[in-house]
C-alpha atoms as a PDB file:
ATOM      1  CA  MET A   1     103.197-188.698-131.079  1.00  0.00           C
ATOM      2  CA  GLN A   2     103.291-185.906-128.252  1.00  0.00           C
ATOM      3  CA  LEU A   3     104.544-182.382-127.552  1.00  0.00           C
ATOM      4  CA  GLU A   4     105.918-181.264-124.508  1.00  0.00           C
ATOM      5  CA  VAL A   5     103.998-177.864-123.397  1.00  0.00           C
ATOM      6  CA  ARG A   6     105.514-175.093-121.151  1.00  0.00           C
ATOM      7  CA  PRO A   7     103.797-173.487-118.394  1.00  0.00           C
ATOM      8  CA  ASP A   8     103.335-170.707-120.872  1.00  0.00           C
ATOM      9  CA  PRO A   9     100.013-169.461-122.428  1.00  0.00           C
ATOM     10  CA  ALA A  10     101.450-168.426-125.569  1.00  0.00           C
ATOM     11  CA  GLU A  11     101.960-172.482-125.394  1.00  0.00           C
ATOM     12  CA  VAL A  12      98.240-172.790-126.610  1.00  0.00           C
ATOM     13  CA  GLY A  13      99.102-171.614-129.890  1.00  0.00           C
ATOM     14  CA  ARG A  14     101.942-173.931-130.675  1.00  0.00           C
ATOM     15  CA  ALA A  15      99.931-176.920-129.069  1.00  0.00           C
ATOM     16  CA  ARG A  16      97.153-175.951-131.525  1.00  0.00           C
ATOM     17  CA  ARG A  17      99.630-175.671-134.472  1.00  0.00           C
ATOM     18  CA  TRP A  18     101.092-179.088-133.820  1.00  0.00           C
ATOM     19  CA  ALA A  19      98.052-180.568-133.606  1.00  0.00           C
ATOM     20  CA  ARG A  20      96.913-179.243-136.997  1.00  0.00           C
ATOM     21  CA  ALA A  21     100.100-180.138-138.721  1.00  0.00           C
ATOM     22  CA  ARG A  22      99.518-183.719-136.993  1.00  0.00           C
ATOM     23  CA  LEU A  23      96.125-184.439-138.758  1.00  0.00           C
ATOM     24  CA  ALA A  24      96.928-183.162-142.176  1.00  0.00           C
ATOM     25  CA  ARG A  25      99.875-185.587-142.170  1.00  0.00           C
ATOM     26  CA  SER A  26      97.530-188.280-141.525  1.00  0.00           C
ATOM     27  CA  GLY A  27      95.106-187.356-143.461  1.00  0.00           C
ATOM     28  CA  ILE A  28      92.610-185.120-141.917  1.00  0.00           C
ATOM     29  CA  GLU A  29      91.773-181.900-143.406  1.00  0.00           C
ATOM     30  CA  ALA A  30      91.910-178.614-141.345  1.00  0.00           C
ATOM     31  CA  ASP A  31      88.630-177.990-142.813  1.00  0.00           C
ATOM     32  CA  GLU A  32      86.981-181.614-141.603  1.00  0.00           C
ATOM     33  CA  PRO A  33      84.812-181.098-138.958  1.00  0.00           C
ATOM     34  CA  LEU A  34      86.965-183.846-136.706  1.00  0.00           C
ATOM     35  CA  ALA A  35      89.944-181.188-137.340  1.00  0.00           C
ATOM     36  CA  GLU A  36      88.165-177.918-136.248  1.00  0.00           C
ATOM     37  CA  THR A  37      86.636-179.915-132.984  1.00  0.00           C
ATOM     38  CA  LEU A  38      90.027-181.542-131.788  1.00  0.00           C
ATOM     39  CA  VAL A  39      92.128-178.579-132.744  1.00  0.00           C
ATOM     40  CA  LEU A  40      89.318-176.565-130.202  1.00  0.00           C
ATOM     41  CA  LEU A  41      89.552-179.425-127.413  1.00  0.00           C
ATOM     42  CA  VAL A  42      93.667-179.137-127.772  1.00  0.00           C
ATOM     43  CA  SER A  43      93.542-175.669-126.786  1.00  0.00           C
ATOM     44  CA  GLU A  44      90.881-176.138-124.095  1.00  0.00           C
ATOM     45  CA  LEU A  45      92.845-178.937-122.207  1.00  0.00           C
ATOM     46  CA  VAL A  46      96.352-177.711-123.127  1.00  0.00           C
ATOM     47  CA  THR A  47      94.709-174.042-121.648  1.00  0.00           C
ATOM     48  CA  ASN A  48      93.311-175.605-118.816  1.00  0.00           C
ATOM     49  CA  ALA A  49      97.353-177.391-117.972  1.00  0.00           C
ATOM     50  CA  VAL A  50      99.007-174.448-118.528  1.00  0.00           C
ATOM     51  CA  VAL A  51      96.625-171.907-115.996  1.00  0.00           C
ATOM     52  CA  HIS A  52      95.577-174.506-113.600  1.00  0.00           C
ATOM     53  CA  THR A  53      98.809-176.280-112.798  1.00  0.00           C
ATOM     54  CA  GLY A  54     101.444-173.877-113.496  1.00  0.00           C
ATOM     55  CA  ARG A  55     103.792-176.744-114.976  1.00  0.00           C
ATOM     56  CA  THR A  56     104.974-178.384-117.587  1.00  0.00           C
ATOM     57  CA  ALA A  57     102.553-180.911-119.715  1.00  0.00           C
ATOM     58  CA  VAL A  58     102.265-183.355-122.179  1.00  0.00           C
ATOM     59  CA  LEU A  59      99.945-183.373-125.141  1.00  0.00           C
ATOM     60  CA  ARG A  60      99.564-186.847-126.946  1.00  0.00           C
ATOM     61  CA  LEU A  61      97.594-187.106-129.640  1.00  0.00           C
ATOM     62  CA  SER A  62      96.550-190.935-131.109  1.00  0.00           C
ATOM     63  CA  LEU A  63      95.389-190.611-134.554  1.00  0.00           C
ATOM     64  CA  PRO A  64      94.009-193.896-136.525  1.00  0.00           C
ATOM     65  CA  CYS A  65      96.061-194.663-139.590  1.00  0.00           C
ATOM     66  CA  GLY A  66      95.367-197.477-142.477  1.00  0.00           C
ATOM     67  CA  ALA A  67      92.141-198.909-143.841  1.00  0.00           C
ATOM     68  CA  ALA A  68      90.190-198.807-140.829  1.00  0.00           C
ATOM     69  CA  ALA A  69      91.304-194.711-140.145  1.00  0.00           C
ATOM     70  CA  ASP A  70      87.422-193.523-141.617  1.00  0.00           C
ATOM     71  CA  SER A  71      85.795-195.017-138.614  1.00  0.00           C
ATOM     72  CA  ALA A  72      88.668-195.092-135.748  1.00  0.00           C
ATOM     73  CA  THR A  73      88.689-192.996-132.966  1.00  0.00           C
ATOM     74  CA  VAL A  74      91.122-189.807-131.890  1.00  0.00           C
ATOM     75  CA  ARG A  75      92.435-189.481-128.958  1.00  0.00           C
ATOM     76  CA  LEU A  76      93.822-186.580-126.943  1.00  0.00           C
ATOM     77  CA  GLU A  77      95.705-186.511-124.184  1.00  0.00           C
ATOM     78  CA  VAL A  78      97.039-184.134-121.699  1.00  0.00           C
ATOM     79  CA  ALA A  79      99.290-185.001-118.849  1.00  0.00           C
ATOM     80  CA  ASP A  80     100.651-182.742-116.331  1.00  0.00           C
ATOM     81  CA  SER A  81     102.163-182.989-112.608  1.00  0.00           C
ATOM     82  CA  SER A  82      99.782-181.807-110.768  1.00  0.00           C
ATOM     83  CA  ASP A  83      97.387-183.884-108.369  1.00  0.00           C
ATOM     84  CA  ARG A  84      94.429-181.449-108.551  1.00  0.00           C
ATOM     85  CA  ALA A  85      91.713-183.259-110.038  1.00  0.00           C
ATOM     86  CA  PRO A  86      89.820-181.756-112.682  1.00  0.00           C
ATOM     87  CA  VAL A  87      86.905-179.902-110.921  1.00  0.00           C
ATOM     88  CA  PRO A  88      83.931-178.498-113.915  1.00  0.00           C
ATOM     89  CA  ARG A  89      82.872-175.034-113.062  1.00  0.00           C
ATOM     90  CA  HIS A  90      79.564-173.655-113.469  1.00  0.00           C
ATOM     91  CA  PRO A  91      80.173-169.693-114.323  1.00  0.00           C
ATOM     92  CA  ASP A  92      77.376-167.398-114.913  1.00  0.00           C
ATOM     93  CA  GLY A  93      76.834-165.129-118.091  1.00  0.00           C
ATOM     94  CA  GLU A  94      78.823-162.790-116.975  1.00  0.00           C
ATOM     95  CA  GLN A  95      82.309-164.621-116.446  1.00  0.00           C
ATOM     96  CA  THR A  96      84.699-164.710-119.247  1.00  0.00           C
ATOM     97  CA  GLY A  97      86.441-168.099-117.940  1.00  0.00           C
ATOM     98  CA  GLY A  98      85.122-171.927-116.573  1.00  0.00           C
ATOM     99  CA  ARG A  99      83.788-172.975-119.772  1.00  0.00           C
ATOM    100  CA  GLY A 100      86.832-175.528-120.399  1.00  0.00           C
ATOM    101  CA  LEU A 101      85.725-178.935-119.244  1.00  0.00           C
ATOM    102  CA  ALA A 102      82.054-178.490-120.343  1.00  0.00           C
ATOM    103  CA  LEU A 103      82.950-177.418-123.831  1.00  0.00           C
ATOM    104  CA  VAL A 104      85.287-180.222-123.409  1.00  0.00           C
ATOM    105  CA  ASP A 105      82.000-182.966-122.422  1.00  0.00           C
ATOM    106  CA  GLY A 106      80.014-181.478-125.155  1.00  0.00           C
ATOM    107  CA  LEU A 107      82.308-182.078-128.074  1.00  0.00           C
ATOM    108  CA  ALA A 108      83.981-184.900-127.373  1.00  0.00           C
ATOM    109  CA  ASP A 109      82.653-188.457-127.529  1.00  0.00           C
ATOM    110  CA  ARG A 110      84.022-189.356-124.351  1.00  0.00           C
ATOM    111  CA  TRP A 111      86.300-187.997-121.565  1.00  0.00           C
ATOM    112  CA  GLY A 112      87.842-188.479-118.391  1.00  0.00           C
ATOM    113  CA  TRP A 113      90.703-188.394-116.089  1.00  0.00           C
ATOM    114  CA  SER A 114      93.104-190.517-114.055  1.00  0.00           C
ATOM    115  CA  ARG A 115      96.061-190.393-112.184  1.00  0.00           C
ATOM    116  CA  GLU A 116      99.490-191.012-113.500  1.00  0.00           C
ATOM    117  CA  GLY A 117     102.190-191.130-110.662  1.00  0.00           C
ATOM    118  CA  ALA A 118     102.601-187.924-108.745  1.00  0.00           C
ATOM    119  CA  GLY A 119      99.991-186.084-111.664  1.00  0.00           C
ATOM    120  CA  LYS A 120      97.327-186.553-113.772  1.00  0.00           C
ATOM    121  CA  ARG A 121      95.739-187.473-117.352  1.00  0.00           C
ATOM    122  CA  ILE A 122      92.670-185.433-119.088  1.00  0.00           C
ATOM    123  CA  TRP A 123      91.760-187.261-121.952  1.00  0.00           C
ATOM    124  CA  CYS A 124      89.285-187.358-124.814  1.00  0.00           C
ATOM    125  CA  GLU A 125      88.161-189.278-127.717  1.00  0.00           C
ATOM    126  CA  LEU A 126      86.182-188.297-131.689  1.00  0.00           C
ATOM    127  CA  ASP A 127      85.001-190.707-133.235  1.00  0.00           C
ATOM    128  CA  ARG A 128      85.693-190.820-136.761  1.00  0.00           C
ATOM    129  CA  CYS A 129      82.171-192.737-138.067  1.00  0.00           C
ATOM    130  CA  GLU A 130      80.306-190.027-140.484  1.00  0.00           C
ATOM    131  CA  ARG A 131      77.358-190.156-138.189  1.00  0.00           C
ATOM    132  CA  ALA A 132      79.083-188.996-135.541  1.00  0.00           C
ATOM    133  CA  GLN A 133      81.029-186.046-137.142  1.00  0.00           C
ATOM    134  CA  ARG A 134      77.914-184.551-138.700  1.00  0.00           C
ATOM    135  CA  ALA A 135      75.909-184.027-135.775  1.00  0.00           C
ATOM    136  CA  ARG A 136      79.098-182.643-134.102  1.00  0.00           C
ATOM    137  CA  ALA A 137      79.581-180.398-137.076  1.00  0.00           C
ATOM    138  CA  CYS A 138      75.573-179.324-135.876  1.00  0.00           C
ATOM    139  CA  GLY A 139      76.443-179.017-132.359  1.00  0.00           C
ATOM    140  CA  GLY A 140      74.704-182.074-131.198  1.00  0.00           C
ATOM    141  CA  GLY A 141      75.058-185.161-129.919  1.00  0.00           C
ATOM    142  CA  ILE A 142      73.957-188.566-131.415  1.00  0.00           C
ATOM    143  CA  PRO A 143      73.379-192.435-129.163  1.00  0.00           C
ATOM    144  CA  TYR A 144      76.762-194.489-129.103  1.00  0.00           C
ATOM    145  CA  GLU A 145      75.375-197.126-130.198  1.00  0.00           C
ATOM    146  CA  ASP A 146      75.379-195.537-133.673  1.00  0.00           C
ATOM    147  CA  CYS A 147      78.337-195.608-134.372  1.00  0.00           C
ATOM    148  CA  GLU A 148      79.484-198.995-134.806  1.00  0.00           C
ATOM    149  CA  GLY A 149      81.318-200.879-131.937  1.00  0.00           C
ATOM    150  CA  LEU A 150      80.943-197.995-129.309  1.00  0.00           C
ATOM    151  CA  GLN A 151      79.813-198.101-126.146  1.00  0.00           C
ATOM    152  CA  GLY A 152      77.953-196.212-123.648  1.00  0.00           C
ATOM    153  CA  ILE A 153      78.664-193.339-121.337  1.00  0.00           C
ATOM    154  CA  GLN A 154      79.998-194.492-117.690  1.00  0.00           C
ATOM    155  CA  GLY A 155      78.651-191.434-115.491  1.00  0.00           C
ATOM    156  CA  LEU A 156      79.831-190.549-112.092  1.00  0.00           C
ATOM    157  CA  GLU A 157      76.189-190.118-110.570  1.00  0.00           C
ATOM    158  CA  GLY A 158      76.452-188.722-106.952  1.00  0.00           C
ATOM    159  CA  LEU A 159      80.084-186.887-106.776  1.00  0.00           C
ATOM    160  CA  GLU A 160      79.299-183.186-106.893  1.00  0.00           C
ATOM    161  CA  GLY A 161      80.283-180.759-109.633  1.00  0.00           C
ATOM    162  CA  PHE A 162      79.713-183.676-112.614  1.00  0.00           C
ATOM    163  CA  GLU A 163      75.692-183.563-112.966  1.00  0.00           C
ATOM    164  CA  GLY A 164      75.203-183.805-116.087  1.00  0.00           C
ATOM    165  CA  LEU A 165      78.359-184.529-117.502  1.00  0.00           C
ATOM    166  CA  ALA A 166      79.118-187.350-119.936  1.00  0.00           C
ATOM    167  CA  TYR A 167      82.316-188.292-118.094  1.00  0.00           C
ATOM    168  CA  GLU A 168      83.974-191.667-117.412  1.00  0.00           C
ATOM    169  CA  ALA A 169      86.145-192.486-114.731  1.00  0.00           C
ATOM    170  CA  VAL A 170      89.483-194.900-115.468  1.00  0.00           C
END
């Protein structure tokens, strides 16, 4: 499922409402930690696309269904037509912006980006295993090996601006 997002800041709210509706239809309650985290990630990634590219973007949400849904992975993607790579910033305490990718890094179990045609796709994933949800709700991470079938993160060591971030290049 996907939503086309116009380059207008008001679209961020529309994207959040769209994501909440998709989650509800898939049986993920609005007050579940997974839903709250996913809506925040939608907000951050769509805001980045709207603010930093000034172009139309496409929000995609892949939700698990069926018997395996309770332990599956939810994937969020935002594709835009800008060829500029995402660059994590390091704002000081007085700046009001620049924390979006740091939030994505802290909340998502994995995230990354890839070139797509003349643009790019930024994605993140949330695991639905019970322990991951509990840890996320408390603001802490867990080792990926604690969730069945998950693998560790591949880092981008040596790339300036990405130090300390859980990031996977695709």
